Amino acid sequence: VQLVESGGGLVQAGGSLRLSCAVSGGIIEDYDIGWFRQAPGKEREGVSHISSRSNITYYADSVKGRFTISSASAKNTVYLQLNSLKPEDTAVYYCAAVHYSDHAYYPPRQYEYNYWGQGTPVTVSS
C-alpha cells in the first residue's frame, strides 16, 4: 500500500487548506486511515482518523470543530479539511494506513499503522 499526501502550503491564520491522501495498492474500505502531524522539535501526534468501512471518525481535541476528515471511495482518497488555521497548526502532516483487522485499539495507536506517506508541510503565518 502506498500513500501520497498533497495539498499543504503556506496560509495565513484563519485560512483553510485541504489535504489529500491518495491510496494505491489497496482500497480504502479495507484500511483505517489516520492523519498525523509533526511540528519542528516536537513529537508526531495524531490529528484525525477515519474508518471508511464504518465511517467512524476521530479528532484530537486540539483540532475538533476546525478539521474535518472524509473519504472518497471512487478516488481511493482520504481528505483532511483544515479550517480556522492557527500558527500552532504548523507542521508536516502525514497520512498513515492500517488494515482494519490489524489493530487492537480504536483509534489505532500510532505504532499500529504500518503504511506511511512522505508528508506534506503546512505553514500558518500569524
Protein backbone atom coordinates (compact mmCIF):
# COMPACT_ATOMS: atom_id res chain seq x y z
CA VAL A 1 0.00 0.00 0.00
CA GLN A 2 1.35 3.41 -0.96
CA LEU A 3 0.15 6.72 0.39
CA VAL A 4 0.82 10.12 -1.19
CA GLU A 5 -0.14 13.32 0.57
CA SER A 6 -0.70 16.64 -1.15
CA GLY A 7 -2.34 19.99 -0.54
CA GLY A 8 -0.02 21.51 2.03
CA GLY A 9 1.27 25.05 1.74
CA LEU A 10 1.56 28.48 3.31
CA VAL A 11 -1.60 30.10 4.61
CA GLN A 12 -2.46 32.98 6.91
CA ALA A 13 -4.03 32.40 10.29
CA GLY A 14 -7.75 31.88 9.92
CA GLY A 15 -7.33 30.40 6.46
CA SER A 16 -8.09 26.94 5.12
CA LEU A 17 -6.37 24.11 3.32
CA ARG A 18 -7.50 20.70 2.11
CA LEU A 19 -5.01 17.89 2.39
CA SER A 20 -5.36 14.76 0.26
CA CYS A 21 -4.07 11.27 0.91
CA ALA A 22 -4.16 9.21 -2.27
CA VAL A 23 -4.03 5.48 -1.60
CA SER A 24 -2.80 2.87 -4.07
CA GLY A 25 -2.22 -0.85 -3.75
CA GLY A 26 -5.35 -1.32 -1.69
CA ILE A 27 -8.86 0.03 -1.31
CA ILE A 28 -9.58 2.49 1.47
CA GLU A 29 -12.58 0.47 2.66
CA ASP A 30 -10.12 -2.16 3.84
CA TYR A 31 -7.98 0.29 5.78
CA ASP A 32 -8.26 2.68 8.65
CA ILE A 33 -6.58 5.95 7.70
CA GLY A 34 -5.07 8.39 10.14
CA TRP A 35 -3.65 11.87 9.82
CA PHE A 36 -0.70 12.83 11.98
CA ARG A 37 1.46 15.91 12.24
CA GLN A 38 4.91 16.73 13.46
CA ALA A 39 5.92 20.26 14.32
CA PRO A 40 9.60 21.27 14.48
CA GLY A 41 11.16 19.98 17.67
CA LYS A 42 8.04 18.10 18.71
CA GLU A 43 6.88 14.52 18.62
CA ARG A 44 4.48 13.32 15.97
CA GLU A 45 0.89 13.48 17.16
CA GLY A 46 -2.38 12.07 15.95
CA VAL A 47 -4.80 14.56 14.44
CA SER A 48 -7.68 12.61 12.98
CA HIS A 49 -8.72 9.14 11.90
CA ILE A 50 -11.37 7.56 9.75
CA SER A 51 -12.61 4.07 9.29
CA SER A 52 -14.03 4.13 5.78
CA ARG A 53 -15.71 0.79 6.37
CA SER A 54 -17.83 2.13 9.21
CA ASN A 55 -17.43 5.88 8.56
CA ILE A 56 -16.42 6.38 12.18
CA THR A 57 -14.19 9.39 12.70
CA TYR A 58 -11.95 10.65 15.46
CA TYR A 59 -10.40 14.05 16.15
CA ALA A 60 -7.79 15.25 18.59
CA ASP A 61 -9.16 17.87 20.97
CA SER A 62 -6.81 20.48 19.51
CA VAL A 63 -8.47 20.29 16.08
CA LYS A 64 -12.05 19.32 16.94
CA GLY A 65 -14.50 21.67 15.29
CA ARG A 66 -11.89 23.02 12.87
CA PHE A 67 -10.69 19.97 10.91
CA THR A 68 -12.87 17.52 9.02
CA ILE A 69 -11.81 14.12 7.73
CA SER A 70 -13.61 12.44 4.87
CA SER A 71 -13.10 9.72 2.30
CA ALA A 72 -13.94 9.35 -1.37
CA SER A 73 -14.10 5.73 -2.39
CA ALA A 74 -14.30 6.49 -6.09
CA LYS A 75 -10.94 8.28 -5.87
CA ASN A 76 -9.50 5.98 -3.18
CA THR A 77 -8.53 9.14 -1.36
CA VAL A 78 -8.93 10.46 2.17
CA TYR A 79 -9.14 14.19 2.76
CA LEU A 80 -8.46 16.41 5.73
CA GLN A 81 -10.12 19.81 5.55
CA LEU A 82 -8.29 22.32 7.72
CA ASN A 83 -10.29 25.42 8.65
CA SER A 84 -9.63 28.31 11.05
CA LEU A 85 -5.95 27.52 10.94
CA LYS A 86 -3.69 28.73 13.73
CA PRO A 87 0.08 29.22 13.79
CA GLU A 88 0.30 26.25 16.15
CA ASP A 89 -1.08 24.04 13.37
CA THR A 90 2.21 24.50 11.52
CA ALA A 91 3.70 21.05 10.97
CA VAL A 92 4.40 18.35 8.43
CA TYR A 93 1.20 16.38 8.01
CA TYR A 94 1.35 12.66 7.33
CA CYS A 95 -1.31 10.13 6.48
CA ALA A 96 -0.98 6.52 7.52
CA ALA A 97 -2.92 3.32 7.00
CA VAL A 98 -3.52 0.08 8.81
CA HIS A 99 -5.71 -2.80 7.66
CA TYR A 100 -8.97 -2.75 9.57
CA SER A 101 -8.22 -6.20 11.04
CA ASP A 102 -4.65 -5.40 12.08
CA HIS A 103 -5.08 -3.06 15.03
CA ALA A 104 -6.19 -3.71 18.59
CA TYR A 105 -7.07 -0.15 19.61
CA TYR A 106 -9.53 2.43 18.33
CA PRO A 107 -8.42 4.78 17.10
CA PRO A 108 -5.32 2.81 16.22
CA ARG A 109 -2.20 3.68 18.17
CA GLN A 110 0.49 5.36 16.12
CA TYR A 111 2.72 2.26 16.23
CA GLU A 112 -0.08 0.14 14.78
CA TYR A 113 -0.04 1.98 11.47
CA ASN A 114 2.22 0.17 9.05
CA TYR A 115 1.94 2.30 5.91
CA TRP A 116 3.00 5.94 5.87
CA GLY A 117 3.17 8.71 3.32
CA GLN A 118 6.04 11.11 2.88
CA GLY A 119 4.26 14.09 4.42
CA THR A 120 3.10 17.49 3.22
CA PRO A 121 4.14 20.69 5.02
CA VAL A 122 1.62 23.17 6.36
CA THR A 123 2.80 26.60 7.47
CA VAL A 124 0.38 29.02 9.11
CA SER A 125 1.57 32.59 9.42
CA SER A 126 0.26 34.95 12.09
